[in-house]
Amino acid sequence: MARPVIVCVDGSELSRPVVQVAQRLAGRLGLDLVLLHVAPPTEAPGVSAAAGGQQRLHDEELRDAEKLLDDLALGMGLGADVRRRSEIGPAADRIVDACADEEAVLVVLGSRGRGGLKAALLGSVSSKVASHAPCPCVIVSADASQRPFLA
């Protein structure tokens, strides 16, 4: 299997421009795309007391993530052959792990533009991925969707 471009999506408005940039890059480089969505781990009080409660919650999160990826792929006309990957956990860690697992050529993800103090306090997924990914990282800002890229 060829080494892909991983495109990270979260269901926000920025997901479409991120996919468009990744799609153009993959097309120019002759590479496949892997759509990746990382859902945050969900802990629900009382669920762990029920038999298999946490596992059911985990399975539901994965189904929701897979639906998000399917809807995005369909809505953007990516076709059924675009691979999809759903993960649960800390976003930056799971993205870096997926890049290593897939032996990605590139990873493309969005940045919400939280700068300065907010980024320092909250942490920045894009910053963490850029500094730890085993491949080059392309970060797409919200403003990038308004500019031509690799037309």
Protein backbone atom coordinates (compact mmCIF):
# COMPACT_ATOMS: atom_id res chain seq x y z
CA MET A 1 0.00 0.00 0.00
CA ALA A 2 1.30 3.46 -0.91
CA ARG A 3 2.15 5.95 1.79
CA PRO A 4 -0.78 8.39 2.11
CA VAL A 5 -1.57 11.95 3.01
CA ILE A 6 -3.50 11.99 6.27
CA VAL A 7 -6.15 14.69 6.53
CA CYS A 8 -7.47 15.42 10.01
CA VAL A 9 -11.05 16.59 10.35
CA ASP A 10 -13.17 17.49 13.35
CA GLY A 11 -16.54 18.33 11.85
CA SER A 12 -16.03 22.08 12.17
CA GLU A 13 -16.37 24.60 9.34
CA LEU A 14 -12.61 24.35 8.85
CA SER A 15 -12.82 20.66 7.89
CA ARG A 16 -13.83 21.39 4.28
CA PRO A 17 -10.89 23.72 3.49
CA VAL A 18 -8.52 21.27 5.19
CA VAL A 19 -9.80 18.44 3.00
CA GLN A 20 -9.58 20.64 -0.12
CA VAL A 21 -5.92 21.48 0.56
CA ALA A 22 -5.09 17.84 1.33
CA GLN A 23 -6.94 16.66 -1.76
CA ARG A 24 -4.98 19.06 -3.98
CA LEU A 25 -1.67 18.07 -2.43
CA ALA A 26 -2.42 14.35 -2.72
CA GLY A 27 -3.51 14.82 -6.33
CA ARG A 28 -0.34 16.69 -7.24
CA LEU A 29 1.82 14.09 -5.50
CA GLY A 30 -0.16 11.10 -6.79
CA LEU A 31 -0.94 9.90 -3.27
CA ASP A 32 -4.01 8.48 -1.55
CA LEU A 33 -5.90 10.27 1.20
CA VAL A 34 -6.77 8.93 4.62
CA LEU A 35 -9.50 10.88 6.42
CA LEU A 36 -8.85 10.85 10.15
CA HIS A 37 -11.18 11.94 12.93
CA VAL A 38 -10.16 11.77 16.58
CA ALA A 39 -13.01 11.91 19.07
CA PRO A 40 -12.19 13.00 22.60
CA PRO A 41 -12.44 10.30 25.23
CA THR A 42 -15.82 10.45 26.92
CA GLU A 43 -16.31 9.55 30.53
CA ALA A 44 -19.90 9.49 31.76
CA PRO A 45 -20.55 9.25 35.49
CA GLY A 46 -22.45 6.12 36.33
CA VAL A 47 -21.86 4.49 32.95
CA SER A 48 -18.96 2.42 34.22
CA ALA A 49 -21.26 0.90 36.85
CA ALA A 50 -23.40 -0.69 34.14
CA ALA A 51 -22.12 -3.90 32.60
CA GLY A 52 -20.17 -2.94 29.48
CA GLY A 53 -21.24 0.71 29.84
CA GLN A 54 -17.89 2.29 28.95
CA GLN A 55 -17.47 -0.09 26.00
CA ARG A 56 -20.92 0.83 24.64
CA LEU A 57 -20.06 4.53 25.02
CA HIS A 58 -16.74 3.93 23.23
CA ASP A 59 -18.49 2.04 20.41
CA GLU A 60 -21.06 4.83 20.04
CA GLU A 61 -18.30 7.45 19.80
CA LEU A 62 -16.62 5.41 17.06
CA ARG A 63 -19.91 5.08 15.14
CA ASP A 64 -20.42 8.84 15.36
CA ALA A 65 -16.86 9.43 14.14
CA GLU A 66 -17.35 7.03 11.22
CA LYS A 67 -20.59 8.77 10.26
CA LEU A 68 -18.84 12.16 10.33
CA LEU A 69 -16.14 10.81 7.99
CA ASP A 70 -18.69 9.16 5.67
CA ASP A 71 -20.80 12.33 5.49
CA LEU A 72 -17.76 14.50 4.78
CA ALA A 73 -16.41 12.15 2.12
CA LEU A 74 -19.81 11.96 0.44
CA GLY A 75 -20.43 15.71 0.71
CA MET A 76 -17.08 16.52 -0.86
CA GLY A 77 -17.32 13.92 -3.60
CA LEU A 78 -14.26 12.01 -2.45
CA GLY A 79 -15.61 8.63 -3.46
CA ALA A 80 -15.88 5.37 -1.65
CA ASP A 81 -12.21 4.48 -2.11
CA VAL A 82 -10.96 7.17 0.29
CA ARG A 83 -9.87 5.40 3.43
CA ARG A 84 -11.33 6.55 6.74
CA ARG A 85 -9.84 6.15 10.17
CA SER A 86 -11.57 6.86 13.48
CA GLU A 87 -9.76 7.14 16.79
CA ILE A 88 -10.65 8.05 20.35
CA GLY A 89 -8.25 9.78 22.67
CA PRO A 90 -6.11 12.87 22.98
CA ALA A 91 -6.19 14.36 19.47
CA ALA A 92 -2.52 15.26 19.01
CA ASP A 93 -1.29 11.91 20.32
CA ARG A 94 -3.67 9.92 18.14
CA ILE A 95 -2.82 11.97 15.03
CA VAL A 96 0.92 11.46 15.57
CA ASP A 97 0.34 7.73 16.14
CA ALA A 98 -1.78 7.48 12.97
CA CYS A 99 0.97 9.20 10.97
CA ALA A 100 3.47 6.64 12.20
CA ASP A 101 1.11 3.68 11.67
CA GLU A 102 0.23 4.75 8.13
CA GLU A 103 3.80 5.85 7.30
CA ALA A 104 2.23 9.09 6.08
CA VAL A 105 4.01 11.31 3.58
CA LEU A 106 2.19 14.38 4.95
CA VAL A 107 -0.40 15.25 7.56
CA VAL A 108 -2.82 18.11 6.91
CA LEU A 109 -4.89 19.66 9.67
CA GLY A 110 -6.60 22.88 10.57
CA SER A 111 -5.79 25.57 13.05
CA ARG A 112 -8.48 27.57 14.74
CA GLY A 113 -6.02 30.42 15.15
CA ARG A 114 -5.87 30.46 18.91
CA GLY A 115 -2.69 32.33 19.52
CA GLY A 116 -0.65 33.54 22.43
CA LEU A 117 -2.08 32.99 25.87
CA LYS A 118 -5.06 30.87 24.78
CA ALA A 119 -2.80 28.44 22.93
CA ALA A 120 -0.40 28.28 25.87
CA LEU A 121 -3.18 27.57 28.34
CA LEU A 122 -5.32 25.27 26.23
CA GLY A 123 -2.60 23.60 24.25
CA SER A 124 -2.65 23.52 20.49
CA VAL A 125 -3.28 20.29 18.62
CA SER A 126 -1.72 21.65 15.45
CA SER A 127 1.36 22.85 17.31
CA LYS A 128 1.82 19.51 19.06
CA VAL A 129 1.33 17.56 15.85
CA ALA A 130 3.76 19.80 13.94
CA SER A 131 6.44 19.26 16.56
CA HIS A 132 5.97 15.50 17.02
CA ALA A 133 4.70 14.03 13.74
CA PRO A 134 7.10 11.70 11.92
CA CYS A 135 6.26 13.46 8.63
CA PRO A 136 5.86 17.04 7.39
CA CYS A 137 2.78 18.83 8.66
CA VAL A 138 0.62 21.30 6.71
CA ILE A 139 -1.52 23.54 8.90
CA VAL A 140 -4.48 25.19 7.20
CA SER A 141 -5.87 28.37 8.74
CA ALA A 142 -9.47 29.51 8.44
CA ASP A 143 -8.28 32.36 6.18
CA ALA A 144 -6.66 29.91 3.77
CA SER A 145 -10.05 28.85 2.46
CA GLN A 146 -10.45 32.32 0.96
CA ARG A 147 -7.21 32.13 -1.06
CA PRO A 148 -6.38 30.09 -4.16
CA PHE A 149 -4.03 27.21 -3.47
CA LEU A 150 -2.45 24.93 -6.04
CA ALA A 151 -5.10 25.94 -8.54
